[in-house]
N, C-alpha and C. Protein backbone atom coordinates (compact mmCIF):
# COMPACT_ATOMS: atom_id res chain seq x y z
N MET A 1 7.23 13.56 -9.42
CA MET A 1 7.38 12.25 -9.46
C MET A 1 9.16 12.45 -9.49
N THR A 2 9.41 11.30 -9.01
CA THR A 2 10.30 10.93 -8.67
C THR A 2 10.72 9.31 -9.98
N THR A 3 11.06 9.03 -10.42
CA THR A 3 12.12 8.31 -11.50
C THR A 3 13.32 7.90 -11.47
N ILE A 4 13.11 6.72 -11.24
CA ILE A 4 14.47 5.89 -11.01
C ILE A 4 14.25 4.16 -12.07
N SER A 5 16.20 3.93 -12.52
CA SER A 5 16.42 2.81 -12.84
C SER A 5 16.57 1.74 -12.05
N VAL A 6 15.88 0.43 -12.87
CA VAL A 6 16.56 -0.22 -12.36
C VAL A 6 17.39 -1.54 -13.09
N SER A 7 18.17 -2.60 -12.54
CA SER A 7 19.76 -3.52 -13.48
C SER A 7 18.60 -4.78 -13.11
N LEU A 8 18.34 -5.01 -14.27
CA LEU A 8 17.11 -6.31 -13.87
C LEU A 8 18.66 -7.85 -15.04
N ASP A 9 18.19 -8.57 -14.00
CA ASP A 9 18.83 -10.14 -15.10
C ASP A 9 17.90 -10.01 -16.52
N ASP A 10 18.27 -10.99 -17.52
CA ASP A 10 17.44 -11.07 -18.27
C ASP A 10 16.25 -12.34 -18.42
N ALA A 11 16.68 -12.97 -17.70
CA ALA A 11 15.27 -14.07 -17.15
C ALA A 11 14.47 -13.83 -16.44
N THR A 12 14.35 -12.27 -15.65
CA THR A 12 14.05 -11.92 -14.85
C THR A 12 13.27 -11.20 -15.77
N TYR A 13 13.87 -10.18 -16.70
CA TYR A 13 12.95 -8.80 -17.79
C TYR A 13 12.28 -10.06 -17.62
N ALA A 14 12.60 -10.81 -18.54
CA ALA A 14 11.14 -11.15 -19.34
C ALA A 14 10.37 -12.39 -18.53
N ARG A 15 10.43 -12.54 -17.55
CA ARG A 15 9.17 -13.70 -16.31
C ARG A 15 8.85 -11.87 -16.26
N LEU A 16 8.85 -10.88 -15.56
CA LEU A 16 8.16 -9.43 -15.58
C LEU A 16 7.29 -9.08 -16.83
N LYS A 17 7.89 -9.38 -18.32
CA LYS A 17 7.63 -9.26 -19.10
C LYS A 17 6.00 -9.71 -19.78
N ALA A 18 6.22 -11.15 -19.42
CA ALA A 18 4.97 -12.02 -19.72
C ALA A 18 3.91 -11.20 -19.15
N VAL A 19 4.28 -11.25 -17.30
CA VAL A 19 3.03 -11.38 -16.63
C VAL A 19 2.67 -9.38 -16.59
N ALA A 20 2.94 -8.93 -17.00
CA ALA A 20 2.77 -7.06 -17.95
C ALA A 20 1.71 -7.28 -19.30
N ASP A 21 2.79 -8.23 -19.91
CA ASP A 21 1.57 -8.51 -21.54
C ASP A 21 0.87 -9.65 -20.96
N ALA A 22 0.76 -9.51 -20.21
CA ALA A 22 -0.45 -11.09 -19.36
C ALA A 22 -1.95 -10.03 -18.59
N GLU A 23 -1.39 -8.78 -18.56
CA GLU A 23 -2.24 -7.46 -17.32
C GLU A 23 -3.42 -7.15 -17.85
N GLY A 24 -2.22 -6.54 -19.64
CA GLY A 24 -1.88 -5.30 -20.19
C GLY A 24 -1.72 -4.13 -20.19
N ILE A 25 -0.12 -3.95 -18.99
CA ILE A 25 0.41 -3.33 -18.73
C ILE A 25 1.60 -3.44 -18.70
N SER A 26 2.09 -1.80 -18.44
CA SER A 26 3.49 -1.29 -18.97
C SER A 26 4.71 -2.27 -17.76
N ILE A 27 5.66 -2.55 -18.17
CA ILE A 27 6.35 -3.32 -16.86
C ILE A 27 6.85 -2.86 -16.16
N GLU A 28 6.80 -1.04 -16.01
CA GLU A 28 6.99 -0.07 -14.79
C GLU A 28 5.66 0.08 -14.34
N SER A 29 5.15 0.39 -14.85
CA SER A 29 3.50 -0.29 -14.22
C SER A 29 3.41 -0.79 -13.22
N LEU A 30 4.15 -2.78 -13.50
CA LEU A 30 3.72 -3.59 -13.02
C LEU A 30 4.65 -3.12 -11.99
N LEU A 31 5.80 -2.46 -11.95
CA LEU A 31 7.15 -2.65 -10.69
C LEU A 31 6.59 -1.12 -9.61
N ALA A 32 5.87 -0.43 -10.28
CA ALA A 32 5.70 1.04 -9.87
C ALA A 32 4.52 -0.23 -8.69
N THR A 33 3.64 -0.86 -8.98
CA THR A 33 1.94 -0.88 -8.56
C THR A 33 2.90 -1.53 -7.59
N ALA A 34 3.85 -2.82 -7.67
CA ALA A 34 3.80 -3.94 -6.66
C ALA A 34 5.14 -2.90 -5.70
N ALA A 35 5.70 -2.14 -6.16
CA ALA A 35 6.48 -1.73 -5.54
C ALA A 35 5.69 -0.37 -4.33
N VAL A 36 4.22 -0.05 -4.19
CA VAL A 36 3.43 0.46 -3.26
C VAL A 36 2.33 0.24 -3.06
N GLU A 37 2.57 -1.20 -3.22
CA GLU A 37 1.75 -2.59 -2.41
C GLU A 37 2.74 -2.80 -1.49
N HIS A 38 3.74 -2.69 -2.02
CA HIS A 38 5.21 -3.65 -1.01
C HIS A 38 5.02 -2.66 0.79
N ALA A 39 5.25 -1.44 0.35
CA ALA A 39 5.21 -0.15 0.77
C ALA A 39 4.06 0.09 2.11
N GLU A 40 2.53 -0.08 1.20
CA GLU A 40 1.70 0.15 2.51
C GLU A 40 1.26 -1.19 2.93
N ARG A 41 2.09 -2.68 2.90
CA ARG A 41 2.02 -3.70 3.04
C ARG A 41 3.11 -3.71 4.70
N THR A 42 4.30 -2.99 4.13
CA THR A 42 5.35 -2.96 5.47
C THR A 42 5.31 -1.32 6.60
N SER A 43 4.15 -0.72 6.24
CA SER A 43 4.09 0.56 6.98
C SER A 43 2.69 0.01 7.46
N GLU A 44 2.25 -1.42 6.83
CA GLU A 44 0.79 -1.83 8.52
C GLU A 44 1.92 -3.35 9.49
N VAL A 45 2.60 -3.39 8.70
CA VAL A 45 3.69 -4.30 9.37
C VAL A 45 3.91 -3.72 11.35
N VAL A 46 4.77 -2.26 10.46
CA VAL A 46 5.36 -1.37 10.97
C VAL A 46 3.96 -1.38 12.46
N GLU A 47 2.63 -0.56 11.85
CA GLU A 47 1.58 -0.05 12.68
C GLU A 47 1.49 -1.48 13.82
N ALA A 48 1.39 -2.38 13.57
CA ALA A 48 1.17 -3.47 13.98
C ALA A 48 1.60 -3.74 15.22
N ARG A 49 3.86 -3.77 15.03
CA ARG A 49 4.61 -3.37 15.24
C ARG A 49 4.66 -2.54 16.41
N HIS A 50 4.16 -1.57 16.45
CA HIS A 50 4.66 -0.41 17.54
C HIS A 50 3.06 -0.73 18.15
N MET A 51 1.97 -1.20 17.73
CA MET A 51 0.35 -1.71 18.61
C MET A 51 1.50 -3.05 19.71
N ALA A 52 1.72 -3.63 19.01
CA ALA A 52 1.76 -4.26 19.99
C ALA A 52 2.81 -4.26 20.72
N GLU A 53 4.17 -3.63 20.48
CA GLU A 53 5.36 -2.82 21.39
C GLU A 53 4.25 -2.10 23.36
N ARG A 54 3.64 -1.72 22.32
CA ARG A 54 2.46 -0.47 23.17
C ARG A 54 1.95 -1.15 24.12
N HIS A 55 0.37 -1.95 23.75
CA HIS A 55 0.09 -3.24 24.70
C HIS A 55 1.46 -4.18 25.03
N LEU A 56 2.06 -4.65 24.92
CA LEU A 56 2.83 -5.22 26.34
C LEU A 56 3.61 -4.20 26.95
N ALA A 57 3.54 -3.75 26.60
CA ALA A 57 4.91 -2.47 27.85
C ALA A 57 3.19 -2.02 28.83
N ARG A 58 2.11 -1.46 28.22
CA ARG A 58 1.58 -1.31 29.25
C ARG A 58 0.80 -1.97 30.08
N TYR A 59 0.92 -3.97 29.33
CA TYR A 59 -0.28 -5.07 29.99
C TYR A 59 1.09 -6.10 30.08
N PRO A 60 2.42 -5.93 30.85
CA PRO A 60 3.14 -6.80 31.09
C PRO A 60 2.64 -8.03 31.55
N GLU A 61 2.06 -7.80 32.66
CA GLU A 61 1.00 -9.06 33.81
C GLU A 61 0.62 -10.05 32.21
N LEU A 62 -0.36 -9.39 32.35
CA LEU A 62 -1.17 -10.42 31.91
C LEU A 62 -0.73 -10.96 30.06
N PHE A 63 0.16 -10.33 28.94
CA PHE A 63 1.31 -11.16 28.58
C PHE A 63 1.98 -12.31 29.09
N LYS A 64 2.48 -12.12 30.03
CA LYS A 64 3.20 -13.03 30.73
C LYS A 64 1.90 -13.95 30.80
N ARG A 65 0.69 -13.84 31.80
CA ARG A 65 -0.18 -14.84 32.12
C ARG A 65 -0.31 -15.34 30.93
N LEU A 66 -0.68 -15.13 29.57
CA LEU A 66 -0.77 -16.12 28.64
C LEU A 66 0.28 -16.79 28.06
N ALA A 67 1.47 -15.88 28.07
CA ALA A 67 2.51 -17.02 27.65
C ALA A 67 3.27 -18.33 28.42
N GLU A 68 2.22 -18.89 29.27
CA GLU A 68 2.41 -19.92 30.29
C GLU A 68 1.41 -20.64 30.03
């Protein structure tokens, strides 16, 4: 497992601390969860974009007519 260090301004830290306390978890857990969720969403967006590009390349006339 990799460990990272992140610098936050005091106001951001205080907001994250309040959220973490409300959820009953540590700030580290809150940030780790947020990072994993963001990475998963990003990979889904990338896959969707690749899929769209493949369809556009395969059916250019269809998409040209749909755009009209």
